[in-house]
Amino acid sequence: MTGEVDLYGILLPPLLVWLGVALLASAALRWGLTRLGVYRFVWHRPLFDLALLIILLGAISFTMNRFF
């Protein structure tokens, strides 16, 4: 996927679109981790959440560049 994404006449960079997808995936994953009680073992929750978002963004970016 190269170039811009056209959203009703507004051109968005692909990384911004992928960030939106990563934010949704991160929210779902955080909800699941909270329900499972994983955050009891995490020292710094905001830092962990940021790292989770960066990892998801990298994985989504790699997947979209590789296959689309």
N, C-alpha and C. Protein backbone atom coordinates (compact mmCIF):
# COMPACT_ATOMS: atom_id res chain seq x y z
N MET A 1 0.84 -1.16 0.00
CA MET A 1 0.00 0.00 0.00
C MET A 1 0.89 1.23 0.00
N THR A 2 0.93 1.92 -1.09
CA THR A 2 1.73 3.13 -1.18
C THR A 2 0.83 4.31 -1.48
N GLY A 3 1.29 5.46 -1.17
CA GLY A 3 0.49 6.65 -1.43
C GLY A 3 -0.42 6.96 -0.26
N GLU A 4 -1.41 7.77 -0.52
CA GLU A 4 -2.32 8.21 0.51
C GLU A 4 -3.62 7.41 0.46
N VAL A 5 -4.32 7.43 1.58
CA VAL A 5 -5.64 6.80 1.67
C VAL A 5 -6.67 7.92 1.54
N ASP A 6 -7.58 7.77 0.60
CA ASP A 6 -8.60 8.78 0.36
C ASP A 6 -9.82 8.48 1.24
N LEU A 7 -10.13 9.39 2.17
CA LEU A 7 -11.27 9.23 3.05
C LEU A 7 -12.23 10.39 2.78
N TYR A 8 -13.12 10.19 1.83
CA TYR A 8 -14.11 11.20 1.44
C TYR A 8 -13.45 12.53 1.06
N GLY A 9 -12.39 12.46 0.30
CA GLY A 9 -11.72 13.66 -0.18
C GLY A 9 -10.58 14.14 0.70
N ILE A 10 -10.41 13.52 1.84
CA ILE A 10 -9.30 13.87 2.73
C ILE A 10 -8.22 12.82 2.56
N LEU A 11 -7.03 13.25 2.19
CA LEU A 11 -5.93 12.32 1.98
C LEU A 11 -5.17 12.10 3.29
N LEU A 12 -5.10 10.85 3.72
CA LEU A 12 -4.44 10.51 4.97
C LEU A 12 -3.22 9.64 4.68
N PRO A 13 -2.14 9.86 5.41
CA PRO A 13 -0.99 8.97 5.24
C PRO A 13 -1.34 7.58 5.77
N PRO A 14 -0.82 6.53 5.15
CA PRO A 14 -1.16 5.17 5.59
C PRO A 14 -0.81 4.89 7.05
N LEU A 15 0.27 5.48 7.55
CA LEU A 15 0.66 5.23 8.94
C LEU A 15 -0.41 5.73 9.91
N LEU A 16 -1.09 6.81 9.57
CA LEU A 16 -2.15 7.33 10.42
C LEU A 16 -3.33 6.36 10.46
N VAL A 17 -3.65 5.77 9.32
CA VAL A 17 -4.73 4.78 9.27
C VAL A 17 -4.33 3.55 10.07
N TRP A 18 -3.10 3.10 9.91
CA TRP A 18 -2.63 1.92 10.65
C TRP A 18 -2.59 2.20 12.15
N LEU A 19 -2.31 3.45 12.54
CA LEU A 19 -2.31 3.81 13.95
C LEU A 19 -3.73 3.69 14.52
N GLY A 20 -4.72 4.09 13.74
CA GLY A 20 -6.11 3.94 14.19
C GLY A 20 -6.48 2.48 14.40
N VAL A 21 -6.04 1.63 13.48
CA VAL A 21 -6.29 0.19 13.63
C VAL A 21 -5.56 -0.35 14.84
N ALA A 22 -4.33 0.09 15.05
CA ALA A 22 -3.54 -0.36 16.20
C ALA A 22 -4.17 0.12 17.51
N LEU A 23 -4.74 1.31 17.53
CA LEU A 23 -5.41 1.80 18.73
C LEU A 23 -6.62 0.94 19.08
N LEU A 24 -7.39 0.56 18.07
CA LEU A 24 -8.54 -0.31 18.32
C LEU A 24 -8.10 -1.68 18.81
N ALA A 25 -7.07 -2.24 18.19
CA ALA A 25 -6.55 -3.54 18.62
C ALA A 25 -5.96 -3.44 20.02
N SER A 26 -5.29 -2.35 20.33
CA SER A 26 -4.71 -2.16 21.65
C SER A 26 -5.80 -2.05 22.71
N ALA A 27 -6.87 -1.35 22.40
CA ALA A 27 -7.97 -1.23 23.36
C ALA A 27 -8.60 -2.59 23.65
N ALA A 28 -8.78 -3.38 22.62
CA ALA A 28 -9.35 -4.73 22.81
C ALA A 28 -8.39 -5.61 23.61
N LEU A 29 -7.11 -5.51 23.32
CA LEU A 29 -6.12 -6.32 24.03
C LEU A 29 -5.98 -5.88 25.49
N ARG A 30 -6.03 -4.58 25.74
CA ARG A 30 -5.98 -4.09 27.12
C ARG A 30 -7.18 -4.57 27.92
N TRP A 31 -8.36 -4.55 27.29
CA TRP A 31 -9.55 -5.04 27.97
C TRP A 31 -9.40 -6.51 28.33
N GLY A 32 -8.88 -7.30 27.39
CA GLY A 32 -8.66 -8.72 27.66
C GLY A 32 -7.62 -8.95 28.74
N LEU A 33 -6.55 -8.19 28.72
CA LEU A 33 -5.51 -8.34 29.74
C LEU A 33 -6.03 -7.94 31.12
N THR A 34 -6.90 -6.94 31.16
CA THR A 34 -7.49 -6.54 32.43
C THR A 34 -8.40 -7.64 32.97
N ARG A 35 -9.20 -8.22 32.09
CA ARG A 35 -10.11 -9.29 32.51
C ARG A 35 -9.35 -10.52 32.99
N LEU A 36 -8.18 -10.79 32.40
CA LEU A 36 -7.38 -11.94 32.80
C LEU A 36 -6.52 -11.67 34.04
N GLY A 37 -6.40 -10.41 34.43
CA GLY A 37 -5.62 -10.06 35.61
C GLY A 37 -4.12 -10.00 35.36
N VAL A 38 -3.72 -9.81 34.12
CA VAL A 38 -2.30 -9.76 33.78
C VAL A 38 -1.64 -8.51 34.34
N TYR A 39 -2.40 -7.44 34.48
CA TYR A 39 -1.82 -6.18 34.94
C TYR A 39 -1.35 -6.24 36.40
N ARG A 40 -1.69 -7.27 37.13
CA ARG A 40 -1.16 -7.42 38.49
C ARG A 40 0.34 -7.64 38.46
N PHE A 41 0.86 -8.18 37.36
CA PHE A 41 2.28 -8.49 37.24
C PHE A 41 3.07 -7.43 36.49
N VAL A 42 2.41 -6.33 36.11
CA VAL A 42 3.05 -5.26 35.34
C VAL A 42 3.46 -4.14 36.29
N TRP A 43 4.70 -3.70 36.16
CA TRP A 43 5.22 -2.69 37.07
C TRP A 43 4.66 -1.31 36.76
N HIS A 44 4.64 -0.92 35.47
CA HIS A 44 4.24 0.43 35.08
C HIS A 44 3.23 0.31 33.94
N ARG A 45 1.96 0.37 34.28
CA ARG A 45 0.91 0.08 33.31
C ARG A 45 0.92 1.03 32.10
N PRO A 46 1.03 2.35 32.26
CA PRO A 46 1.04 3.22 31.07
C PRO A 46 2.22 2.93 30.14
N LEU A 47 3.37 2.62 30.70
CA LEU A 47 4.53 2.28 29.88
C LEU A 47 4.31 0.97 29.14
N PHE A 48 3.70 0.00 29.82
CA PHE A 48 3.37 -1.28 29.20
C PHE A 48 2.36 -1.08 28.07
N ASP A 49 1.35 -0.23 28.29
CA ASP A 49 0.35 0.03 27.25
C ASP A 49 0.97 0.73 26.03
N LEU A 50 1.90 1.65 26.27
CA LEU A 50 2.59 2.32 25.17
C LEU A 50 3.42 1.32 24.37
N ALA A 51 4.14 0.46 25.07
CA ALA A 51 4.95 -0.56 24.39
C ALA A 51 4.06 -1.50 23.60
N LEU A 52 2.91 -1.85 24.15
CA LEU A 52 1.96 -2.71 23.45
C LEU A 52 1.46 -2.04 22.17
N LEU A 53 1.16 -0.75 22.24
CA LEU A 53 0.71 -0.01 21.06
C LEU A 53 1.80 0.05 20.00
N ILE A 54 3.04 0.31 20.39
CA ILE A 54 4.15 0.38 19.44
C ILE A 54 4.37 -0.98 18.76
N ILE A 55 4.29 -2.05 19.54
CA ILE A 55 4.47 -3.39 18.97
C ILE A 55 3.34 -3.70 17.99
N LEU A 56 2.11 -3.38 18.35
CA LEU A 56 0.98 -3.62 17.44
C LEU A 56 1.09 -2.77 16.18
N LEU A 57 1.50 -1.52 16.32
CA LEU A 57 1.66 -0.65 15.15
C LEU A 57 2.74 -1.20 14.23
N GLY A 58 3.84 -1.67 14.78
CA GLY A 58 4.89 -2.26 13.96
C GLY A 58 4.43 -3.51 13.25
N ALA A 59 3.67 -4.36 13.94
CA ALA A 59 3.17 -5.60 13.34
C ALA A 59 2.17 -5.30 12.22
N ILE A 60 1.28 -4.36 12.45
CA ILE A 60 0.29 -3.99 11.44
C ILE A 60 0.98 -3.34 10.24
N SER A 61 1.92 -2.46 10.50
CA SER A 61 2.66 -1.80 9.42
C SER A 61 3.42 -2.82 8.57
N PHE A 62 4.10 -3.75 9.23
CA PHE A 62 4.84 -4.79 8.52
C PHE A 62 3.89 -5.65 7.67
N THR A 63 2.76 -6.03 8.25
CA THR A 63 1.80 -6.87 7.53
C THR A 63 1.21 -6.13 6.33
N MET A 64 0.84 -4.89 6.50
CA MET A 64 0.24 -4.14 5.39
C MET A 64 1.25 -3.89 4.28
N ASN A 65 2.49 -3.59 4.63
CA ASN A 65 3.51 -3.37 3.59
C ASN A 65 3.88 -4.65 2.89
N ARG A 66 3.82 -5.75 3.58
CA ARG A 66 4.24 -7.03 3.02
C ARG A 66 3.20 -7.63 2.08
N PHE A 67 1.93 -7.54 2.46
CA PHE A 67 0.89 -8.25 1.73
C PHE A 67 -0.04 -7.37 0.90
N PHE A 68 0.00 -6.06 1.09
CA PHE A 68 -0.89 -5.20 0.31
C PHE A 68 -0.14 -4.15 -0.44
